[in-house]
Amino acid sequence: MSPNQELRDPDQSLVAKLIIQEKKIQELNQQLSETNQVVADLMIRGRSQSAPLPEYTGTPSTQYTERGSKIERSIKVDGSDQYFDEIERDKLDFDGWRLGVEARMRDNADWFPTPDQQINYIMRRLAGKASKETIPFLKNSKPERFKSAKSMLDHLEAQYDDRDRIRKAENEWDKLRMTDPE
């Protein structure tokens, strides 16, 4: 079709382009179908050469080892929010955060069986200033490395716990008792 004919009959030009595009789509669909068949054949061949996989039960607490044996775990409990040691970012004070971390490690003890896994979990629950504070104590090369999750939490408590909370609570109690009911 010459450029002059295209200008005279734009509908014919569009129809011709549409036909060409449809042929390309058909060719691509054919290639996709052939590729899918090759992939399916390879998967079937791979399955026949490997050991059978255990049937997937669909429960989030079930996992399999490398040898295919099934491991039942407790249902994963949501962890506490990250602790930043920044008033505007923290949703909980340190005590609340620590209780949440301890509860998660207690409820999902089978998810954190080793001291290193427990320390790593606590490390992932820290951010900002609080995270930077613990970095020197997480390096394997340091003699003062945390030996347990408890030692890490105790160290953090020494840094971030409100040491005056008992005195503040007593003062608040005194204020409540001193108010005149009139």
N, C-alpha and C. Protein backbone atom coordinates (compact mmCIF):
# COMPACT_ATOMS: atom_id res chain seq x y z
N MET A 1 0.85 -1.17 0.00
CA MET A 1 0.00 0.00 0.00
C MET A 1 0.90 1.23 0.00
N SER A 2 0.66 2.13 -0.87
CA SER A 2 1.48 3.33 -0.96
C SER A 2 1.02 4.36 0.05
N PRO A 3 1.90 5.31 0.40
CA PRO A 3 1.51 6.33 1.37
C PRO A 3 0.30 7.13 0.92
N ASN A 4 0.16 7.32 -0.40
CA ASN A 4 -1.00 8.07 -0.90
C ASN A 4 -2.28 7.30 -0.68
N GLN A 5 -2.23 5.97 -0.87
CA GLN A 5 -3.42 5.16 -0.66
C GLN A 5 -3.81 5.15 0.82
N GLU A 6 -2.78 5.13 1.70
CA GLU A 6 -3.06 5.14 3.14
C GLU A 6 -3.82 6.39 3.52
N LEU A 7 -3.42 7.52 2.96
CA LEU A 7 -4.09 8.77 3.28
C LEU A 7 -5.52 8.78 2.76
N ARG A 8 -5.74 8.14 1.60
CA ARG A 8 -7.09 8.13 1.03
C ARG A 8 -8.01 7.15 1.74
N ASP A 9 -7.46 6.08 2.24
CA ASP A 9 -8.31 5.06 2.85
C ASP A 9 -7.72 4.65 4.21
N PRO A 10 -7.90 5.49 5.26
CA PRO A 10 -7.31 5.18 6.56
C PRO A 10 -7.86 3.92 7.21
N ASP A 11 -9.13 3.59 6.94
CA ASP A 11 -9.72 2.39 7.54
C ASP A 11 -9.03 1.13 7.04
N GLN A 12 -8.70 1.08 5.75
CA GLN A 12 -8.02 -0.07 5.18
C GLN A 12 -6.64 -0.23 5.81
N SER A 13 -5.97 0.88 6.04
CA SER A 13 -4.65 0.85 6.65
C SER A 13 -4.72 0.28 8.06
N LEU A 14 -5.69 0.72 8.83
CA LEU A 14 -5.86 0.21 10.19
C LEU A 14 -6.22 -1.26 10.21
N VAL A 15 -7.06 -1.68 9.28
CA VAL A 15 -7.44 -3.09 9.20
C VAL A 15 -6.22 -3.95 8.88
N ALA A 16 -5.39 -3.49 7.97
CA ALA A 16 -4.18 -4.24 7.61
C ALA A 16 -3.24 -4.35 8.81
N LYS A 17 -3.06 -3.25 9.54
CA LYS A 17 -2.20 -3.28 10.73
C LYS A 17 -2.77 -4.21 11.79
N LEU A 18 -4.09 -4.21 11.95
CA LEU A 18 -4.75 -5.07 12.92
C LEU A 18 -4.53 -6.54 12.58
N ILE A 19 -4.63 -6.88 11.30
CA ILE A 19 -4.42 -8.26 10.87
C ILE A 19 -2.98 -8.70 11.16
N ILE A 20 -2.03 -7.81 10.88
CA ILE A 20 -0.63 -8.13 11.15
C ILE A 20 -0.40 -8.35 12.65
N GLN A 21 -0.99 -7.49 13.49
CA GLN A 21 -0.83 -7.62 14.94
C GLN A 21 -1.46 -8.92 15.45
N GLU A 22 -2.62 -9.29 14.90
CA GLU A 22 -3.27 -10.54 15.32
C GLU A 22 -2.43 -11.76 14.95
N LYS A 23 -1.77 -11.72 13.79
CA LYS A 23 -0.89 -12.82 13.39
C LYS A 23 0.29 -12.93 14.35
N LYS A 24 0.85 -11.77 14.75
CA LYS A 24 1.96 -11.78 15.71
C LYS A 24 1.52 -12.36 17.05
N ILE A 25 0.31 -12.00 17.49
CA ILE A 25 -0.22 -12.52 18.76
C ILE A 25 -0.39 -14.03 18.68
N GLN A 26 -0.91 -14.53 17.54
CA GLN A 26 -1.07 -15.97 17.37
C GLN A 26 0.28 -16.69 17.42
N GLU A 27 1.28 -16.11 16.77
CA GLU A 27 2.62 -16.71 16.78
C GLU A 27 3.20 -16.74 18.20
N LEU A 28 3.02 -15.65 18.94
CA LEU A 28 3.53 -15.59 20.31
C LEU A 28 2.79 -16.59 21.21
N ASN A 29 1.48 -16.72 21.03
CA ASN A 29 0.72 -17.70 21.81
C ASN A 29 1.19 -19.12 21.51
N GLN A 30 1.50 -19.39 20.24
CA GLN A 30 2.01 -20.71 19.87
C GLN A 30 3.36 -20.97 20.54
N GLN A 31 4.25 -19.95 20.52
CA GLN A 31 5.55 -20.09 21.17
C GLN A 31 5.39 -20.32 22.67
N LEU A 32 4.46 -19.59 23.29
CA LEU A 32 4.21 -19.75 24.72
C LEU A 32 3.71 -21.16 25.03
N SER A 33 2.81 -21.66 24.21
CA SER A 33 2.29 -23.01 24.41
C SER A 33 3.41 -24.05 24.31
N GLU A 34 4.28 -23.89 23.31
CA GLU A 34 5.40 -24.82 23.15
C GLU A 34 6.36 -24.74 24.35
N THR A 35 6.62 -23.53 24.82
CA THR A 35 7.51 -23.35 25.97
C THR A 35 6.91 -23.98 27.21
N ASN A 36 5.61 -23.78 27.43
CA ASN A 36 4.93 -24.38 28.58
C ASN A 36 5.02 -25.90 28.53
N GLN A 37 4.90 -26.48 27.34
CA GLN A 37 4.98 -27.92 27.20
C GLN A 37 6.38 -28.42 27.55
N VAL A 38 7.40 -27.69 27.11
CA VAL A 38 8.79 -28.07 27.42
C VAL A 38 9.02 -28.01 28.94
N VAL A 39 8.52 -26.95 29.58
CA VAL A 39 8.67 -26.80 31.02
C VAL A 39 7.97 -27.95 31.75
N ALA A 40 6.75 -28.28 31.32
CA ALA A 40 6.01 -29.37 31.95
C ALA A 40 6.76 -30.69 31.79
N ASP A 41 7.30 -30.94 30.60
CA ASP A 41 8.07 -32.17 30.37
C ASP A 41 9.30 -32.23 31.28
N LEU A 42 10.00 -31.11 31.41
CA LEU A 42 11.18 -31.07 32.28
C LEU A 42 10.81 -31.30 33.74
N MET A 43 9.69 -30.74 34.17
CA MET A 43 9.26 -30.94 35.56
C MET A 43 8.93 -32.41 35.81
N ILE A 44 8.24 -33.03 34.86
CA ILE A 44 7.89 -34.44 35.02
C ILE A 44 9.15 -35.29 35.06
N ARG A 45 10.10 -35.01 34.18
CA ARG A 45 11.35 -35.75 34.15
C ARG A 45 12.12 -35.54 35.46
N GLY A 46 12.14 -34.30 35.97
CA GLY A 46 12.84 -34.01 37.22
C GLY A 46 12.21 -34.71 38.40
N ARG A 47 10.89 -34.78 38.44
CA ARG A 47 10.20 -35.46 39.55
C ARG A 47 10.48 -36.95 39.55
N SER A 48 10.52 -37.52 38.36
CA SER A 48 10.75 -38.97 38.30
C SER A 48 12.17 -39.33 38.71
N GLN A 49 13.11 -38.38 38.60
CA GLN A 49 14.49 -38.65 38.96
C GLN A 49 14.80 -38.34 40.42
N SER A 50 13.95 -37.57 41.10
CA SER A 50 14.20 -37.21 42.49
C SER A 50 13.27 -37.99 43.41
N ALA A 51 13.58 -37.92 44.70
CA ALA A 51 12.75 -38.60 45.70
C ALA A 51 11.40 -37.90 45.78
N PRO A 52 10.35 -38.65 46.07
CA PRO A 52 9.03 -38.01 46.16
C PRO A 52 8.98 -37.04 47.34
N LEU A 53 8.30 -35.93 47.13
CA LEU A 53 8.13 -34.94 48.18
C LEU A 53 6.94 -35.31 49.05
N PRO A 54 7.00 -35.05 50.34
CA PRO A 54 5.84 -35.29 51.18
C PRO A 54 4.70 -34.37 50.77
N GLU A 55 3.50 -34.84 51.00
CA GLU A 55 2.33 -34.04 50.62
C GLU A 55 2.27 -32.78 51.47
N TYR A 56 2.00 -31.65 50.83
CA TYR A 56 1.91 -30.36 51.53
C TYR A 56 0.59 -30.31 52.28
N THR A 57 0.66 -30.04 53.58
CA THR A 57 -0.55 -29.99 54.39
C THR A 57 -1.17 -28.61 54.42
N GLY A 58 -0.39 -27.60 54.10
CA GLY A 58 -0.94 -26.25 54.05
C GLY A 58 -0.95 -25.52 55.37
N THR A 59 -0.43 -26.12 56.42
CA THR A 59 -0.42 -25.41 57.69
C THR A 59 0.86 -24.59 57.80
N PRO A 60 0.76 -23.34 58.26
CA PRO A 60 1.94 -22.50 58.31
C PRO A 60 2.96 -22.96 59.35
N SER A 61 2.55 -23.81 60.28
CA SER A 61 3.47 -24.23 61.32
C SER A 61 4.19 -25.53 60.98
N THR A 62 3.94 -26.09 59.80
CA THR A 62 4.60 -27.31 59.39
C THR A 62 5.75 -26.97 58.46
N GLN A 63 6.90 -27.54 58.74
CA GLN A 63 8.05 -27.34 57.88
C GLN A 63 8.70 -28.69 57.63
N TYR A 64 9.54 -28.73 56.61
CA TYR A 64 10.22 -29.96 56.26
C TYR A 64 11.72 -29.76 56.31
N THR A 65 12.42 -30.79 56.76
CA THR A 65 13.88 -30.74 56.78
C THR A 65 14.40 -31.05 55.38
N GLU A 66 15.71 -30.97 55.21
CA GLU A 66 16.30 -31.27 53.91
C GLU A 66 16.03 -32.71 53.49
N ARG A 67 15.89 -33.60 54.45
CA ARG A 67 15.65 -35.01 54.15
C ARG A 67 14.17 -35.31 53.94
N GLY A 68 13.32 -34.31 54.10
CA GLY A 68 11.90 -34.50 53.85
C GLY A 68 11.10 -34.88 55.07
N SER A 69 11.71 -34.95 56.24
CA SER A 69 10.94 -35.29 57.43
C SER A 69 10.18 -34.05 57.91
N LYS A 70 9.02 -34.31 58.45
CA LYS A 70 8.10 -33.24 58.83
C LYS A 70 8.40 -32.76 60.25
N ILE A 71 8.38 -31.43 60.43
CA ILE A 71 8.58 -30.83 61.75
C ILE A 71 7.34 -30.01 62.08
N GLU A 72 6.74 -30.30 63.21
CA GLU A 72 5.60 -29.50 63.66
C GLU A 72 6.11 -28.41 64.59
N ARG A 73 5.69 -27.19 64.35
CA ARG A 73 6.07 -26.07 65.19
C ARG A 73 4.82 -25.39 65.71
N SER A 74 5.02 -24.63 66.76
CA SER A 74 3.90 -23.84 67.28
C SER A 74 3.52 -22.79 66.25
N ILE A 75 2.28 -22.36 66.31
CA ILE A 75 1.82 -21.32 65.39
C ILE A 75 2.57 -20.04 65.71
N LYS A 76 3.08 -19.41 64.67
CA LYS A 76 3.91 -18.22 64.84
C LYS A 76 3.09 -17.06 65.40
N VAL A 77 3.56 -16.53 66.52
CA VAL A 77 2.92 -15.39 67.18
C VAL A 77 3.56 -14.12 66.65
N ASP A 78 2.75 -13.10 66.43
CA ASP A 78 3.30 -11.82 65.97
C ASP A 78 4.27 -11.26 67.00
N GLY A 79 5.36 -10.70 66.50
CA GLY A 79 6.35 -10.09 67.38
C GLY A 79 5.95 -8.68 67.77
N SER A 80 6.65 -8.16 68.76
CA SER A 80 6.37 -6.79 69.17
C SER A 80 6.96 -5.83 68.14
N ASP A 81 6.53 -4.59 68.20
CA ASP A 81 7.07 -3.57 67.30
C ASP A 81 8.55 -3.36 67.59
N GLN A 82 9.23 -2.74 66.66
CA GLN A 82 10.64 -2.44 66.88
C GLN A 82 10.78 -1.34 67.92
N TYR A 83 11.87 -1.40 68.66
CA TYR A 83 12.16 -0.39 69.68
C TYR A 83 13.29 0.49 69.15
N PHE A 84 13.06 1.81 69.14
CA PHE A 84 14.01 2.77 68.57
C PHE A 84 14.76 3.58 69.63
N ASP A 85 14.19 3.71 70.83
CA ASP A 85 14.66 4.66 71.84
C ASP A 85 14.50 6.09 71.31
N GLU A 86 13.38 6.31 70.63
CA GLU A 86 13.04 7.64 70.12
C GLU A 86 11.55 7.85 70.42
N ILE A 87 11.25 8.85 71.23
CA ILE A 87 9.89 9.06 71.72
C ILE A 87 8.87 9.11 70.59
N GLU A 88 9.21 9.81 69.51
CA GLU A 88 8.24 9.99 68.43
C GLU A 88 8.02 8.72 67.60
N ARG A 89 8.90 7.75 67.69
CA ARG A 89 8.78 6.54 66.87
C ARG A 89 8.36 5.31 67.66
N ASP A 90 8.64 5.27 68.95
CA ASP A 90 8.32 4.09 69.76
C ASP A 90 6.84 4.05 70.08
N LYS A 91 6.23 2.88 69.86
CA LYS A 91 4.83 2.69 70.22
C LYS A 91 4.69 2.24 71.67
N LEU A 92 5.75 1.65 72.21
CA LEU A 92 5.75 1.16 73.59
C LEU A 92 6.97 1.72 74.31
N ASP A 93 6.87 1.81 75.63
CA ASP A 93 8.08 2.13 76.39
C ASP A 93 8.93 0.86 76.46
N PHE A 94 10.12 0.96 77.03
CA PHE A 94 11.03 -0.18 77.02
C PHE A 94 10.43 -1.38 77.74
N ASP A 95 9.79 -1.16 78.90
CA ASP A 95 9.22 -2.29 79.65
C ASP A 95 8.20 -3.05 78.81
N GLY A 96 7.31 -2.32 78.15
CA GLY A 96 6.30 -2.96 77.31
C GLY A 96 6.93 -3.72 76.16
N TRP A 97 7.95 -3.12 75.56
CA TRP A 97 8.64 -3.77 74.45
C TRP A 97 9.31 -5.06 74.93
N ARG A 98 10.00 -4.98 76.08
CA ARG A 98 10.70 -6.17 76.60
C ARG A 98 9.71 -7.28 76.91
N LEU A 99 8.59 -6.95 77.53
CA LEU A 99 7.59 -7.97 77.83
C LEU A 99 7.09 -8.64 76.55
N GLY A 100 6.89 -7.85 75.49
CA GLY A 100 6.46 -8.41 74.21
C GLY A 100 7.48 -9.35 73.60
N VAL A 101 8.74 -8.95 73.66
CA VAL A 101 9.82 -9.79 73.12
C VAL A 101 9.92 -11.09 73.92
N GLU A 102 9.88 -10.98 75.25
CA GLU A 102 9.98 -12.19 76.08
C GLU A 102 8.78 -13.10 75.85
N ALA A 103 7.59 -12.52 75.68
CA ALA A 103 6.39 -13.34 75.43
C ALA A 103 6.52 -14.08 74.11
N ARG A 104 6.99 -13.40 73.07
CA ARG A 104 7.15 -14.05 71.76
C ARG A 104 8.16 -15.19 71.85
N MET A 105 9.27 -14.96 72.54
CA MET A 105 10.28 -16.02 72.64
C MET A 105 9.78 -17.18 73.50
N ARG A 106 8.91 -16.90 74.45
CA ARG A 106 8.35 -17.96 75.28
C ARG A 106 7.27 -18.73 74.49
N ASP A 107 6.38 -17.99 73.80
CA ASP A 107 5.30 -18.63 73.05
C ASP A 107 5.81 -19.42 71.85
N ASN A 108 6.88 -18.95 71.24
CA ASN A 108 7.46 -19.62 70.08
C ASN A 108 8.87 -20.11 70.38
N ALA A 109 9.04 -20.74 71.53
CA ALA A 109 10.37 -21.23 71.92
C ALA A 109 10.94 -22.19 70.89
N ASP A 110 10.08 -22.95 70.21
CA ASP A 110 10.57 -23.89 69.20
C ASP A 110 11.05 -23.18 67.93
N TRP A 111 10.74 -21.92 67.77
CA TRP A 111 11.24 -21.14 66.63
C TRP A 111 12.63 -20.57 66.93
N PHE A 112 12.97 -20.46 68.21
CA PHE A 112 14.26 -19.89 68.63
C PHE A 112 14.96 -20.84 69.58
N PRO A 113 15.38 -22.02 69.12
CA PRO A 113 15.93 -23.01 70.04
C PRO A 113 17.34 -22.71 70.55
N THR A 114 18.11 -21.91 69.84
CA THR A 114 19.49 -21.66 70.27
C THR A 114 19.64 -20.23 70.78
N PRO A 115 20.61 -19.99 71.64
CA PRO A 115 20.85 -18.62 72.12
C PRO A 115 21.13 -17.63 70.98
N ASP A 116 21.85 -18.08 69.95
CA ASP A 116 22.12 -17.18 68.82
C ASP A 116 20.84 -16.78 68.10
N GLN A 117 19.90 -17.71 67.94
CA GLN A 117 18.64 -17.38 67.28
C GLN A 117 17.83 -16.41 68.14
N GLN A 118 17.87 -16.57 69.45
CA GLN A 118 17.16 -15.65 70.34
C GLN A 118 17.78 -14.26 70.27
N ILE A 119 19.10 -14.18 70.29
CA ILE A 119 19.79 -12.89 70.19
C ILE A 119 19.49 -12.24 68.85
N ASN A 120 19.48 -13.03 67.78
CA ASN A 120 19.17 -12.49 66.46
C ASN A 120 17.75 -11.95 66.40
N TYR A 121 16.81 -12.64 67.05
CA TYR A 121 15.43 -12.14 67.07
C TYR A 121 15.37 -10.78 67.77
N ILE A 122 16.01 -10.68 68.92
CA ILE A 122 16.01 -9.40 69.65
C ILE A 122 16.66 -8.31 68.80
N MET A 123 17.75 -8.66 68.14
CA MET A 123 18.45 -7.70 67.29
C MET A 123 17.51 -7.17 66.19
N ARG A 124 16.69 -8.05 65.62
CA ARG A 124 15.77 -7.61 64.56
C ARG A 124 14.62 -6.76 65.11
N ARG A 125 14.37 -6.82 66.41
CA ARG A 125 13.30 -6.01 67.02
C ARG A 125 13.82 -4.64 67.46
N LEU A 126 15.11 -4.37 67.25
CA LEU A 126 15.70 -3.07 67.59
C LEU A 126 15.93 -2.27 66.32
N ALA A 127 15.84 -0.95 66.44
CA ALA A 127 16.11 -0.07 65.30
C ALA A 127 16.62 1.26 65.83
N GLY A 128 17.08 2.09 64.94
CA GLY A 128 17.51 3.43 65.33
C GLY A 128 18.63 3.43 66.36
N LYS A 129 18.49 4.32 67.35
CA LYS A 129 19.53 4.47 68.39
C LYS A 129 19.74 3.16 69.16
N ALA A 130 18.65 2.48 69.46
CA ALA A 130 18.75 1.25 70.25
C ALA A 130 19.55 0.18 69.49
N SER A 131 19.37 0.11 68.21
CA SER A 131 20.11 -0.86 67.41
C SER A 131 21.60 -0.54 67.39
N LYS A 132 21.92 0.73 67.21
CA LYS A 132 23.33 1.15 67.17
C LYS A 132 24.03 0.85 68.48
N GLU A 133 23.32 0.93 69.58
CA GLU A 133 23.89 0.70 70.92
C GLU A 133 24.38 -0.73 71.07
N THR A 134 23.72 -1.68 70.42
CA THR A 134 24.05 -3.09 70.64
C THR A 134 25.08 -3.64 69.66
N ILE A 135 25.36 -2.92 68.60
CA ILE A 135 26.27 -3.44 67.56
C ILE A 135 27.61 -3.92 68.12
N PRO A 136 28.29 -3.16 68.99
CA PRO A 136 29.58 -3.64 69.50
C PRO A 136 29.47 -4.96 70.26
N PHE A 137 28.32 -5.24 70.83
CA PHE A 137 28.14 -6.45 71.64
C PHE A 137 27.64 -7.64 70.81
N LEU A 138 27.47 -7.45 69.51
CA LEU A 138 26.99 -8.53 68.65
C LEU A 138 28.11 -9.14 67.79
N LYS A 139 29.23 -8.50 67.75
CA LYS A 139 30.34 -8.99 66.92
C LYS A 139 31.00 -10.20 67.57
N ASN A 140 31.22 -11.23 66.78
CA ASN A 140 31.84 -12.46 67.29
C ASN A 140 33.25 -12.22 67.82
N SER A 141 33.93 -11.24 67.27
CA SER A 141 35.32 -11.00 67.66
C SER A 141 35.46 -10.31 69.01
N LYS A 142 34.37 -9.82 69.57
CA LYS A 142 34.43 -9.07 70.83
C LYS A 142 34.27 -10.01 72.02
N PRO A 143 35.11 -9.87 73.05
CA PRO A 143 34.97 -10.72 74.23
C PRO A 143 33.70 -10.40 75.03
N GLU A 144 33.20 -9.17 74.91
CA GLU A 144 31.99 -8.83 75.66
C GLU A 144 30.70 -9.13 74.87
N ARG A 145 30.80 -10.02 73.90
CA ARG A 145 29.63 -10.41 73.10
C ARG A 145 28.55 -10.99 74.00
N PHE A 146 27.29 -10.71 73.66
CA PHE A 146 26.18 -11.26 74.43
C PHE A 146 26.22 -12.79 74.36
N LYS A 147 26.09 -13.43 75.52
CA LYS A 147 26.12 -14.89 75.58
C LYS A 147 24.72 -15.49 75.51
N SER A 148 23.72 -14.67 75.89
CA SER A 148 22.34 -15.16 75.90
C SER A 148 21.39 -14.00 75.65
N ALA A 149 20.14 -14.37 75.35
CA ALA A 149 19.11 -13.35 75.14
C ALA A 149 18.87 -12.59 76.44
N LYS A 150 18.92 -13.28 77.57
CA LYS A 150 18.71 -12.61 78.85
C LYS A 150 19.78 -11.56 79.10
N SER A 151 21.04 -11.90 78.81
CA SER A 151 22.11 -10.91 79.04
C SER A 151 21.93 -9.71 78.11
N MET A 152 21.44 -9.95 76.92
CA MET A 152 21.19 -8.84 75.99
C MET A 152 20.05 -7.96 76.50
N LEU A 153 18.95 -8.59 76.92
CA LEU A 153 17.81 -7.82 77.44
C LEU A 153 18.19 -7.08 78.72
N ASP A 154 18.98 -7.71 79.58
CA ASP A 154 19.42 -7.03 80.81
C ASP A 154 20.29 -5.82 80.48
N HIS A 155 21.16 -5.96 79.50
CA HIS A 155 22.00 -4.84 79.08
C HIS A 155 21.12 -3.70 78.54
N LEU A 156 20.14 -4.05 77.72
CA LEU A 156 19.24 -3.03 77.17
C LEU A 156 18.43 -2.36 78.28
N GLU A 157 18.02 -3.16 79.26
CA GLU A 157 17.26 -2.58 80.37
C GLU A 157 18.11 -1.58 81.14
N ALA A 158 19.37 -1.90 81.34
CA ALA A 158 20.26 -0.97 82.04
C ALA A 158 20.39 0.34 81.25
N GLN A 159 20.28 0.25 79.93
CA GLN A 159 20.40 1.45 79.09
C GLN A 159 19.09 2.25 79.01
N TYR A 160 17.96 1.55 78.88
CA TYR A 160 16.72 2.23 78.50
C TYR A 160 15.60 2.19 79.53
N ASP A 161 15.75 1.41 80.56
CA ASP A 161 14.69 1.33 81.55
C ASP A 161 14.60 2.65 82.31
N ASP A 162 13.40 3.00 82.71
CA ASP A 162 13.18 4.22 83.49
C ASP A 162 13.51 3.91 84.94
N ARG A 163 14.68 4.32 85.37
CA ARG A 163 15.15 4.00 86.72
C ARG A 163 14.30 4.66 87.80
N ASP A 164 13.62 5.72 87.45
CA ASP A 164 12.82 6.44 88.43
C ASP A 164 11.35 6.02 88.42
N ARG A 165 11.01 4.92 87.75
CA ARG A 165 9.60 4.58 87.61
C ARG A 165 8.94 4.29 88.96
N ILE A 166 9.66 3.69 89.90
CA ILE A 166 9.08 3.40 91.21
C ILE A 166 8.80 4.70 91.95
N ARG A 167 9.77 5.61 91.94
CA ARG A 167 9.57 6.90 92.60
C ARG A 167 8.43 7.68 91.93
N LYS A 168 8.36 7.65 90.61
CA LYS A 168 7.29 8.35 89.89
C LYS A 168 5.93 7.74 90.23
N ALA A 169 5.87 6.42 90.31
CA ALA A 169 4.61 5.76 90.64
C ALA A 169 4.17 6.12 92.06
N GLU A 170 5.12 6.15 92.98
CA GLU A 170 4.78 6.54 94.35
C GLU A 170 4.29 7.99 94.41
N ASN A 171 4.93 8.88 93.66
CA ASN A 171 4.48 10.28 93.62
C ASN A 171 3.07 10.39 93.04
N GLU A 172 2.81 9.63 91.98
CA GLU A 172 1.47 9.65 91.39
C GLU A 172 0.44 9.12 92.40
N TRP A 173 0.81 8.09 93.13
CA TRP A 173 -0.08 7.54 94.16
C TRP A 173 -0.36 8.58 95.24
N ASP A 174 0.70 9.26 95.68
CA ASP A 174 0.53 10.31 96.69
C ASP A 174 -0.39 11.41 96.18
N LYS A 175 -0.26 11.81 94.95
CA LYS A 175 -1.12 12.85 94.37
C LYS A 175 -2.58 12.40 94.38
N LEU A 176 -2.80 11.13 94.07
CA LEU A 176 -4.17 10.62 94.07
C LEU A 176 -4.77 10.64 95.47
N ARG A 177 -3.98 10.30 96.47
CA ARG A 177 -4.48 10.27 97.84
C ARG A 177 -4.68 11.67 98.39
N MET A 178 -3.92 12.66 97.93
CA MET A 178 -3.99 14.01 98.47
C MET A 178 -5.15 14.82 97.92
N THR A 179 -5.74 14.40 96.85
CA THR A 179 -6.82 15.21 96.27
C THR A 179 -8.03 15.21 97.19
N ASP A 180 -8.65 16.37 97.29
CA ASP A 180 -9.83 16.55 98.13
C ASP A 180 -11.06 16.22 97.29
N PRO A 181 -11.92 15.33 97.76
CA PRO A 181 -13.07 14.91 96.95
C PRO A 181 -14.13 16.01 96.78
N GLU A 182 -14.01 17.15 97.45
CA GLU A 182 -15.03 18.20 97.37
C GLU A 182 -15.09 18.81 96.05
